[in-house]
All heavy atoms as atom14 arrays in JSON, in Angstrom:
{
  "sequence": "TRVELGGRLVLDASGGEHPYDRLLLATGSKPRSLPVRGADLAGI",
  "atom14_mask": [
    [1, 1, 1, 1, 1, 1, 1, 0, 0, 0, 0, 0, 0, 0],
    [1, 1, 1, 1, 1, 1, 1, 1, 1, 1, 1, 0, 0, 0],
    [1, 1, 1, 1, 1, 1, 1, 0, 0, 0, 0, 0, 0, 0],
    [1, 1, 1, 1, 1, 1, 1, 1, 1, 0, 0, 0, 0, 0],
    [1, 1, 1, 1, 1, 1, 1, 1, 0, 0, 0, 0, 0, 0],
    [1, 1, 1, 1, 0, 0, 0, 0, 0, 0, 0, 0, 0, 0],
    [1, 1, 1, 1, 0, 0, 0, 0, 0, 0, 0, 0, 0, 0],
    [1, 1, 1, 1, 1, 1, 1, 1, 1, 1, 1, 0, 0, 0],
    [1, 1, 1, 1, 1, 1, 1, 1, 0, 0, 0, 0, 0, 0],
    [1, 1, 1, 1, 1, 1, 1, 0, 0, 0, 0, 0, 0, 0],
    [1, 1, 1, 1, 1, 1, 1, 1, 0, 0, 0, 0, 0, 0],
    [1, 1, 1, 1, 1, 1, 1, 1, 0, 0, 0, 0, 0, 0],
    [1, 1, 1, 1, 1, 0, 0, 0, 0, 0, 0, 0, 0, 0],
    [1, 1, 1, 1, 1, 1, 0, 0, 0, 0, 0, 0, 0, 0],
    [1, 1, 1, 1, 0, 0, 0, 0, 0, 0, 0, 0, 0, 0],
    [1, 1, 1, 1, 0, 0, 0, 0, 0, 0, 0, 0, 0, 0],
    [1, 1, 1, 1, 1, 1, 1, 1, 1, 0, 0, 0, 0, 0],
    [1, 1, 1, 1, 1, 1, 1, 1, 1, 1, 0, 0, 0, 0],
    [1, 1, 1, 1, 1, 1, 1, 0, 0, 0, 0, 0, 0, 0],
    [1, 1, 1, 1, 1, 1, 1, 1, 1, 1, 1, 1, 0, 0],
    [1, 1, 1, 1, 1, 1, 1, 1, 0, 0, 0, 0, 0, 0],
    [1, 1, 1, 1, 1, 1, 1, 1, 1, 1, 1, 0, 0, 0],
    [1, 1, 1, 1, 1, 1, 1, 1, 0, 0, 0, 0, 0, 0],
    [1, 1, 1, 1, 1, 1, 1, 1, 0, 0, 0, 0, 0, 0],
    [1, 1, 1, 1, 1, 1, 1, 1, 0, 0, 0, 0, 0, 0],
    [1, 1, 1, 1, 1, 0, 0, 0, 0, 0, 0, 0, 0, 0],
    [1, 1, 1, 1, 1, 1, 1, 0, 0, 0, 0, 0, 0, 0],
    [1, 1, 1, 1, 0, 0, 0, 0, 0, 0, 0, 0, 0, 0],
    [1, 1, 1, 1, 1, 1, 0, 0, 0, 0, 0, 0, 0, 0],
    [1, 1, 1, 1, 1, 1, 1, 1, 1, 0, 0, 0, 0, 0],
    [1, 1, 1, 1, 1, 1, 1, 0, 0, 0, 0, 0, 0, 0],
    [1, 1, 1, 1, 1, 1, 1, 1, 1, 1, 1, 0, 0, 0],
    [1, 1, 1, 1, 1, 1, 0, 0, 0, 0, 0, 0, 0, 0],
    [1, 1, 1, 1, 1, 1, 1, 1, 0, 0, 0, 0, 0, 0],
    [1, 1, 1, 1, 1, 1, 1, 0, 0, 0, 0, 0, 0, 0],
    [1, 1, 1, 1, 1, 1, 1, 0, 0, 0, 0, 0, 0, 0],
    [1, 1, 1, 1, 1, 1, 1, 1, 1, 1, 1, 0, 0, 0],
    [1, 1, 1, 1, 0, 0, 0, 0, 0, 0, 0, 0, 0, 0],
    [1, 1, 1, 1, 1, 0, 0, 0, 0, 0, 0, 0, 0, 0],
    [1, 1, 1, 1, 1, 1, 1, 1, 0, 0, 0, 0, 0, 0],
    [1, 1, 1, 1, 1, 1, 1, 1, 0, 0, 0, 0, 0, 0],
    [1, 1, 1, 1, 1, 0, 0, 0, 0, 0, 0, 0, 0, 0],
    [1, 1, 1, 1, 0, 0, 0, 0, 0, 0, 0, 0, 0, 0],
    [1, 1, 1, 1, 1, 1, 1, 1, 0, 0, 0, 0, 0, 0]
  ],
  "atom14_positions": [
    [[152.19, 132.68, -87.11], [151.1, 132.45, -88.05], [151.31, 133.1, -89.41], [150.71, 132.68, -90.4], [149.78, 132.97, -87.47], [149.92, 134.36, -87.13], [149.39, 132.19, -86.22], [0.0, 0.0, 0.0], [0.0, 0.0, 0.0], [0.0, 0.0, 0.0], [0.0, 0.0, 0.0], [0.0, 0.0, 0.0], [0.0, 0.0, 0.0], [0.0, 0.0, 0.0]],
    [[152.15, 134.12, -89.46], [152.32, 134.82, -90.74], [153.64, 135.58, -90.77], [154.11, 136.07, -89.76], [151.16, 135.8, -90.98], [151.1, 136.34, -92.4], [149.73, 136.92, -92.72], [149.56, 138.29, -92.24], [148.74, 138.66, -91.28], [148.01, 137.74, -90.65], [148.63, 139.93, -90.93], [0.0, 0.0, 0.0], [0.0, 0.0, 0.0], [0.0, 0.0, 0.0]],
    [[154.21, 135.62, -91.96], [155.37, 136.46, -92.22], [155.01, 137.42, -93.33], [154.54, 137.01, -94.4], [156.59, 135.61, -92.63], [157.75, 136.5, -93.07], [157.03, 134.7, -91.49], [0.0, 0.0, 0.0], [0.0, 0.0, 0.0], [0.0, 0.0, 0.0], [0.0, 0.0, 0.0], [0.0, 0.0, 0.0], [0.0, 0.0, 0.0], [0.0, 0.0, 0.0]],
    [[155.19, 138.7, -93.09], [154.94, 139.72, -94.1], [156.29, 140.22, -94.6], [156.97, 141.01, -93.92], [154.11, 140.87, -93.52], [152.7, 140.43, -93.13], [151.84, 141.59, -92.64], [152.38, 142.73, -92.56], [150.65, 141.36, -92.34], [0.0, 0.0, 0.0], [0.0, 0.0, 0.0], [0.0, 0.0, 0.0], [0.0, 0.0, 0.0], [0.0, 0.0, 0.0]],
    [[156.67, 139.75, -95.77], [157.99, 140.08, -96.29], [158.12, 141.56, -96.61], [159.16, 142.18, -96.32], [158.27, 139.24, -97.54], [158.27, 137.72, -97.34], [158.46, 137.01, -98.67], [159.34, 137.31, -96.35], [0.0, 0.0, 0.0], [0.0, 0.0, 0.0], [0.0, 0.0, 0.0], [0.0, 0.0, 0.0], [0.0, 0.0, 0.0], [0.0, 0.0, 0.0]],
    [[157.07, 142.13, -97.19], [157.15, 143.54, -97.55], [157.28, 144.45, -96.34], [158.04, 145.42, -96.35], [0.0, 0.0, 0.0], [0.0, 0.0, 0.0], [0.0, 0.0, 0.0], [0.0, 0.0, 0.0], [0.0, 0.0, 0.0], [0.0, 0.0, 0.0], [0.0, 0.0, 0.0], [0.0, 0.0, 0.0], [0.0, 0.0, 0.0], [0.0, 0.0, 0.0]],
    [[156.54, 144.12, -95.29], [156.6, 144.94, -94.07], [157.65, 144.5, -93.1], [157.81, 145.11, -92.03], [0.0, 0.0, 0.0], [0.0, 0.0, 0.0], [0.0, 0.0, 0.0], [0.0, 0.0, 0.0], [0.0, 0.0, 0.0], [0.0, 0.0, 0.0], [0.0, 0.0, 0.0], [0.0, 0.0, 0.0], [0.0, 0.0, 0.0], [0.0, 0.0, 0.0]],
    [[158.38, 143.42, -93.43], [159.42, 142.86, -92.54], [158.86, 142.62, -91.16], [159.39, 143.06, -90.14], [160.63, 143.79, -92.47], [161.43, 143.86, -93.78], [162.55, 144.86, -93.68], [163.39, 144.8, -94.88], [164.61, 144.25, -94.93], [165.12, 143.71, -93.85], [165.3, 144.24, -96.05], [0.0, 0.0, 0.0], [0.0, 0.0, 0.0], [0.0, 0.0, 0.0]],
    [[157.77, 141.84, -91.13], [157.07, 141.57, -89.88], [156.83, 140.07, -89.72], [156.56, 139.37, -90.7], [155.71, 142.26, -89.84], [155.64, 143.74, -89.48], [154.19, 144.21, -89.58], [156.18, 143.98, -88.07], [0.0, 0.0, 0.0], [0.0, 0.0, 0.0], [0.0, 0.0, 0.0], [0.0, 0.0, 0.0], [0.0, 0.0, 0.0], [0.0, 0.0, 0.0]],
    [[156.92, 139.6, -88.48], [156.51, 138.26, -88.1], [155.35, 138.41, -87.13], [155.43, 139.18, -86.17], [157.67, 137.49, -87.43], [157.18, 136.22, -86.78], [158.76, 137.19, -88.45], [0.0, 0.0, 0.0], [0.0, 0.0, 0.0], [0.0, 0.0, 0.0], [0.0, 0.0, 0.0], [0.0, 0.0, 0.0], [0.0, 0.0, 0.0], [0.0, 0.0, 0.0]],
    [[154.26, 137.67, -87.38], [153.08, 137.75, -86.54], [152.87, 136.41, -85.85], [152.98, 135.35, -86.48], [151.84, 138.11, -87.36], [151.8, 139.54, -87.92], [152.56, 139.61, -89.24], [150.37, 140.0, -88.13], [0.0, 0.0, 0.0], [0.0, 0.0, 0.0], [0.0, 0.0, 0.0], [0.0, 0.0, 0.0], [0.0, 0.0, 0.0], [0.0, 0.0, 0.0]],
    [[152.55, 136.45, -84.54], [152.34, 135.21, -83.81], [150.86, 134.98, -83.54], [150.02, 135.83, -83.84], [153.16, 135.18, -82.51], [152.72, 136.25, -81.5], [151.51, 136.52, -81.38], [153.6, 136.81, -80.82], [0.0, 0.0, 0.0], [0.0, 0.0, 0.0], [0.0, 0.0, 0.0], [0.0, 0.0, 0.0], [0.0, 0.0, 0.0], [0.0, 0.0, 0.0]],
    [[150.53, 133.81, -82.98], [149.14, 133.4, -82.8], [148.4, 134.27, -81.8], [147.17, 134.3, -81.77], [149.09, 131.94, -82.35], [0.0, 0.0, 0.0], [0.0, 0.0, 0.0], [0.0, 0.0, 0.0], [0.0, 0.0, 0.0], [0.0, 0.0, 0.0], [0.0, 0.0, 0.0], [0.0, 0.0, 0.0], [0.0, 0.0, 0.0], [0.0, 0.0, 0.0]],
    [[149.13, 134.99, -80.96], [148.49, 135.88, -79.98], [148.25, 137.28, -80.53], [147.77, 138.16, -79.82], [149.36, 135.98, -78.72], [149.53, 134.72, -78.13], [0.0, 0.0, 0.0], [0.0, 0.0, 0.0], [0.0, 0.0, 0.0], [0.0, 0.0, 0.0], [0.0, 0.0, 0.0], [0.0, 0.0, 0.0], [0.0, 0.0, 0.0], [0.0, 0.0, 0.0]],
    [[148.61, 137.49, -81.79], [148.42, 138.79, -82.41], [149.62, 139.7, -82.31], [149.56, 140.86, -82.76], [0.0, 0.0, 0.0], [0.0, 0.0, 0.0], [0.0, 0.0, 0.0], [0.0, 0.0, 0.0], [0.0, 0.0, 0.0], [0.0, 0.0, 0.0], [0.0, 0.0, 0.0], [0.0, 0.0, 0.0], [0.0, 0.0, 0.0], [0.0, 0.0, 0.0]],
    [[150.7, 139.23, -81.73], [151.89, 140.05, -81.62], [152.55, 140.28, -82.97], [152.57, 139.39, -83.82], [0.0, 0.0, 0.0], [0.0, 0.0, 0.0], [0.0, 0.0, 0.0], [0.0, 0.0, 0.0], [0.0, 0.0, 0.0], [0.0, 0.0, 0.0], [0.0, 0.0, 0.0], [0.0, 0.0, 0.0], [0.0, 0.0, 0.0], [0.0, 0.0, 0.0]],
    [[153.09, 141.47, -83.18], [153.8, 141.82, -84.4], [155.26, 142.1, -84.05], [155.56, 142.88, -83.15], [153.17, 143.04, -85.06], [151.74, 142.82, -85.51], [151.19, 144.01, -86.28], [151.89, 145.05, -86.37], [150.05, 143.91, -86.78], [0.0, 0.0, 0.0], [0.0, 0.0, 0.0], [0.0, 0.0, 0.0], [0.0, 0.0, 0.0], [0.0, 0.0, 0.0]],
    [[156.16, 141.46, -84.81], [157.58, 141.51, -84.46], [158.38, 141.88, -85.71], [158.55, 141.06, -86.61], [158.03, 140.16, -83.92], [157.12, 139.61, -82.86], [157.21, 139.99, -81.54], [156.07, 138.74, -82.95], [156.27, 139.36, -80.84], [155.57, 138.6, -81.67], [0.0, 0.0, 0.0], [0.0, 0.0, 0.0], [0.0, 0.0, 0.0], [0.0, 0.0, 0.0]],
    [[158.87, 143.11, -85.76], [159.67, 143.52, -86.92], [161.04, 142.85, -86.91], [161.55, 142.45, -85.86], [159.79, 145.04, -86.74], [159.62, 145.26, -85.28], [158.68, 144.2, -84.79], [0.0, 0.0, 0.0], [0.0, 0.0, 0.0], [0.0, 0.0, 0.0], [0.0, 0.0, 0.0], [0.0, 0.0, 0.0], [0.0, 0.0, 0.0], [0.0, 0.0, 0.0]],
    [[161.62, 142.71, -88.1], [162.95, 142.11, -88.19], [163.8, 142.89, -89.2], [163.29, 143.48, -90.14], [162.87, 140.64, -88.62], [162.32, 140.4, -90.01], [163.15, 140.49, -91.14], [160.98, 140.08, -90.22], [162.66, 140.28, -92.42], [160.48, 139.86, -91.5], [161.33, 139.96, -92.59], [160.83, 139.75, -93.86], [0.0, 0.0, 0.0], [0.0, 0.0, 0.0]],
    [[165.1, 142.85, -88.98], [166.07, 143.3, -89.99], [166.61, 142.12, -90.77], [166.92, 142.24, -91.95], [167.22, 144.06, -89.31], [166.74, 145.33, -88.64], [166.02, 146.11, -89.28], [167.09, 145.53, -87.46], [0.0, 0.0, 0.0], [0.0, 0.0, 0.0], [0.0, 0.0, 0.0], [0.0, 0.0, 0.0], [0.0, 0.0, 0.0], [0.0, 0.0, 0.0]],
    [[166.8, 140.99, -90.07], [167.12, 139.72, -90.71], [166.17, 138.68, -90.14], [165.84, 138.71, -88.94], [168.56, 139.28, -90.43], [169.62, 140.28, -90.75], [170.09, 140.23, -92.18], [171.28, 141.05, -92.31], [171.26, 142.38, -92.48], [170.1, 143.02, -92.52], [172.4, 143.05, -92.6], [0.0, 0.0, 0.0], [0.0, 0.0, 0.0], [0.0, 0.0, 0.0]],
    [[165.78, 137.72, -90.99], [164.85, 136.67, -90.58], [165.42, 135.32, -90.99], [165.85, 135.14, -92.13], [163.48, 136.88, -91.24], [162.45, 135.76, -91.06], [162.05, 135.61, -89.59], [161.21, 136.04, -91.93], [0.0, 0.0, 0.0], [0.0, 0.0, 0.0], [0.0, 0.0, 0.0], [0.0, 0.0, 0.0], [0.0, 0.0, 0.0], [0.0, 0.0, 0.0]],
    [[165.42, 134.37, -90.06], [165.81, 132.99, -90.35], [164.61, 132.09, -90.13], [164.03, 132.07, -89.04], [166.97, 132.55, -89.45], [167.37, 131.08, -89.59], [167.88, 130.78, -90.99], [168.4, 130.69, -88.53], [0.0, 0.0, 0.0], [0.0, 0.0, 0.0], [0.0, 0.0, 0.0], [0.0, 0.0, 0.0], [0.0, 0.0, 0.0], [0.0, 0.0, 0.0]],
    [[164.26, 131.34, -91.15], [163.2, 130.34, -91.05], [163.85, 128.97, -90.86], [164.64, 128.54, -91.69], [162.33, 130.34, -92.3], [161.58, 131.64, -92.6], [160.83, 131.54, -93.92], [160.63, 131.99, -91.47], [0.0, 0.0, 0.0], [0.0, 0.0, 0.0], [0.0, 0.0, 0.0], [0.0, 0.0, 0.0], [0.0, 0.0, 0.0], [0.0, 0.0, 0.0]],
    [[163.51, 128.33, -89.75], [164.07, 127.01, -89.43], [162.98, 126.17, -88.79], [163.1, 125.69, -87.66], [165.27, 127.16, -88.5], [0.0, 0.0, 0.0], [0.0, 0.0, 0.0], [0.0, 0.0, 0.0], [0.0, 0.0, 0.0], [0.0, 0.0, 0.0], [0.0, 0.0, 0.0], [0.0, 0.0, 0.0], [0.0, 0.0, 0.0], [0.0, 0.0, 0.0]],
    [[161.9, 126.0, -89.54], [160.67, 125.41, -88.99], [160.65, 123.89, -89.01], [159.69, 123.29, -88.53], [159.45, 125.96, -89.75], [159.71, 125.95, -91.17], [159.16, 127.39, -89.33], [0.0, 0.0, 0.0], [0.0, 0.0, 0.0], [0.0, 0.0, 0.0], [0.0, 0.0, 0.0], [0.0, 0.0, 0.0], [0.0, 0.0, 0.0], [0.0, 0.0, 0.0]],
    [[161.68, 123.26, -89.54], [161.81, 121.81, -89.4], [160.85, 121.0, -90.24], [160.37, 121.45, -91.3], [0.0, 0.0, 0.0], [0.0, 0.0, 0.0], [0.0, 0.0, 0.0], [0.0, 0.0, 0.0], [0.0, 0.0, 0.0], [0.0, 0.0, 0.0], [0.0, 0.0, 0.0], [0.0, 0.0, 0.0], [0.0, 0.0, 0.0], [0.0, 0.0, 0.0]],
    [[160.55, 119.8, -89.77], [159.7, 118.85, -90.5], [158.62, 118.3, -89.59], [158.7, 118.42, -88.37], [160.54, 117.68, -91.04], [161.48, 118.1, -91.98], [0.0, 0.0, 0.0], [0.0, 0.0, 0.0], [0.0, 0.0, 0.0], [0.0, 0.0, 0.0], [0.0, 0.0, 0.0], [0.0, 0.0, 0.0], [0.0, 0.0, 0.0], [0.0, 0.0, 0.0]],
    [[157.64, 117.68, -90.2], [156.61, 116.96, -89.45], [156.5, 115.55, -90.02], [156.71, 115.34, -91.23], [155.27, 117.68, -89.54], [154.72, 117.82, -90.96], [153.42, 118.59, -90.96], [152.93, 118.8, -92.4], [151.68, 119.59, -92.44], [0.0, 0.0, 0.0], [0.0, 0.0, 0.0], [0.0, 0.0, 0.0], [0.0, 0.0, 0.0], [0.0, 0.0, 0.0]],
    [[156.18, 114.56, -89.19], [156.08, 113.19, -89.69], [154.97, 113.05, -90.72], [153.9, 113.66, -90.6], [155.76, 112.37, -88.43], [156.13, 113.25, -87.29], [155.92, 114.66, -87.76], [0.0, 0.0, 0.0], [0.0, 0.0, 0.0], [0.0, 0.0, 0.0], [0.0, 0.0, 0.0], [0.0, 0.0, 0.0], [0.0, 0.0, 0.0], [0.0, 0.0, 0.0]],
    [[155.24, 112.26, -91.74], [154.2, 111.96, -92.72], [153.2, 110.97, -92.12], [153.57, 110.1, -91.32], [154.82, 111.36, -93.98], [155.75, 112.31, -94.71], [156.22, 111.72, -96.03], [157.24, 112.54, -96.65], [157.0, 113.61, -97.41], [155.74, 113.97, -97.63], [157.99, 114.3, -97.93], [0.0, 0.0, 0.0], [0.0, 0.0, 0.0], [0.0, 0.0, 0.0]],
    [[151.95, 111.12, -92.51], [150.91, 110.22, -92.05], [150.56, 109.25, -93.17], [151.11, 109.32, -94.27], [149.67, 111.01, -91.62], [149.19, 111.78, -92.7], [0.0, 0.0, 0.0], [0.0, 0.0, 0.0], [0.0, 0.0, 0.0], [0.0, 0.0, 0.0], [0.0, 0.0, 0.0], [0.0, 0.0, 0.0], [0.0, 0.0, 0.0], [0.0, 0.0, 0.0]],
    [[149.66, 108.33, -92.89], [149.17, 107.4, -93.9], [147.69, 107.68, -94.14], [146.88, 107.61, -93.21], [149.35, 105.96, -93.45], [150.79, 105.44, -93.4], [150.81, 104.02, -92.85], [151.42, 105.48, -94.78], [0.0, 0.0, 0.0], [0.0, 0.0, 0.0], [0.0, 0.0, 0.0], [0.0, 0.0, 0.0], [0.0, 0.0, 0.0], [0.0, 0.0, 0.0]],
    [[147.31, 108.0, -95.37], [145.91, 108.33, -95.65], [145.07, 107.08, -95.84], [144.54, 106.81, -96.92], [146.02, 109.15, -96.95], [147.21, 108.56, -97.64], [148.18, 108.17, -96.56], [0.0, 0.0, 0.0], [0.0, 0.0, 0.0], [0.0, 0.0, 0.0], [0.0, 0.0, 0.0], [0.0, 0.0, 0.0], [0.0, 0.0, 0.0], [0.0, 0.0, 0.0]],
    [[144.96, 106.29, -94.77], [144.18, 105.05, -94.84], [143.18, 105.02, -93.7], [143.32, 105.74, -92.7], [145.1, 103.81, -94.77], [146.09, 103.8, -95.94], [145.85, 103.74, -93.45], [0.0, 0.0, 0.0], [0.0, 0.0, 0.0], [0.0, 0.0, 0.0], [0.0, 0.0, 0.0], [0.0, 0.0, 0.0], [0.0, 0.0, 0.0], [0.0, 0.0, 0.0]],
    [[142.2, 104.18, -93.82], [141.16, 104.05, -92.79], [141.78, 103.58, -91.47], [142.64, 102.7, -91.44], [140.1, 103.05, -93.25], [138.9, 102.91, -92.32], [137.87, 101.98, -92.9], [138.45, 100.67, -93.2], [137.82, 99.72, -93.87], [136.61, 99.94, -94.36], [138.4, 98.55, -94.07], [0.0, 0.0, 0.0], [0.0, 0.0, 0.0], [0.0, 0.0, 0.0]],
    [[141.34, 104.19, -90.39], [141.78, 103.8, -89.06], [143.04, 104.48, -88.57], [143.51, 104.19, -87.46], [0.0, 0.0, 0.0], [0.0, 0.0, 0.0], [0.0, 0.0, 0.0], [0.0, 0.0, 0.0], [0.0, 0.0, 0.0], [0.0, 0.0, 0.0], [0.0, 0.0, 0.0], [0.0, 0.0, 0.0], [0.0, 0.0, 0.0], [0.0, 0.0, 0.0]],
    [[143.57, 105.4, -89.36], [144.85, 106.04, -88.97], [144.71, 106.92, -87.73], [145.74, 107.32, -87.16], [145.39, 106.85, -90.14], [0.0, 0.0, 0.0], [0.0, 0.0, 0.0], [0.0, 0.0, 0.0], [0.0, 0.0, 0.0], [0.0, 0.0, 0.0], [0.0, 0.0, 0.0], [0.0, 0.0, 0.0], [0.0, 0.0, 0.0], [0.0, 0.0, 0.0]],
    [[143.49, 107.22, -87.32], [143.28, 108.07, -86.13], [143.0, 107.25, -84.87], [142.69, 107.81, -83.82], [142.13, 109.04, -86.38], [140.81, 108.34, -86.72], [140.85, 107.11, -87.01], [139.77, 109.0, -86.72], [0.0, 0.0, 0.0], [0.0, 0.0, 0.0], [0.0, 0.0, 0.0], [0.0, 0.0, 0.0], [0.0, 0.0, 0.0], [0.0, 0.0, 0.0]],
    [[143.16, 105.93, -84.92], [142.92, 105.1, -83.75], [143.96, 105.37, -82.66], [145.12, 105.67, -82.95], [142.95, 103.63, -84.13], [141.79, 103.1, -84.97], [142.13, 101.73, -85.54], [140.52, 103.03, -84.13], [0.0, 0.0, 0.0], [0.0, 0.0, 0.0], [0.0, 0.0, 0.0], [0.0, 0.0, 0.0], [0.0, 0.0, 0.0], [0.0, 0.0, 0.0]],
    [[143.53, 105.23, -81.42], [144.48, 105.32, -80.31], [145.49, 104.19, -80.42], [145.16, 103.09, -80.88], [143.73, 105.24, -78.98], [0.0, 0.0, 0.0], [0.0, 0.0, 0.0], [0.0, 0.0, 0.0], [0.0, 0.0, 0.0], [0.0, 0.0, 0.0], [0.0, 0.0, 0.0], [0.0, 0.0, 0.0], [0.0, 0.0, 0.0], [0.0, 0.0, 0.0]],
    [[146.72, 104.47, -79.99], [147.77, 103.47, -80.08], [148.61, 103.58, -81.32], [149.61, 102.86, -81.46], [0.0, 0.0, 0.0], [0.0, 0.0, 0.0], [0.0, 0.0, 0.0], [0.0, 0.0, 0.0], [0.0, 0.0, 0.0], [0.0, 0.0, 0.0], [0.0, 0.0, 0.0], [0.0, 0.0, 0.0], [0.0, 0.0, 0.0], [0.0, 0.0, 0.0]],
    [[148.24, 104.5, -82.23], [149.04, 104.74, -83.43], [149.85, 106.01, -83.19], [149.3, 107.07, -82.9], [148.16, 104.86, -84.68], [147.41, 103.55, -84.91], [149.0, 105.22, -85.9], [146.47, 103.58, -86.1], [0.0, 0.0, 0.0], [0.0, 0.0, 0.0], [0.0, 0.0, 0.0], [0.0, 0.0, 0.0], [0.0, 0.0, 0.0], [0.0, 0.0, 0.0]]
  ]
}
């Protein structure tokens, strides 16, 4: 959920704090959506 660069910390959704000496961010991509009516229908 958060990276604190100054404190060299990575925080996860459960509240865990994880210090690092080196950090690699490789969070990838997410599909783009279409901002049109009906885009939340089942089957899409």
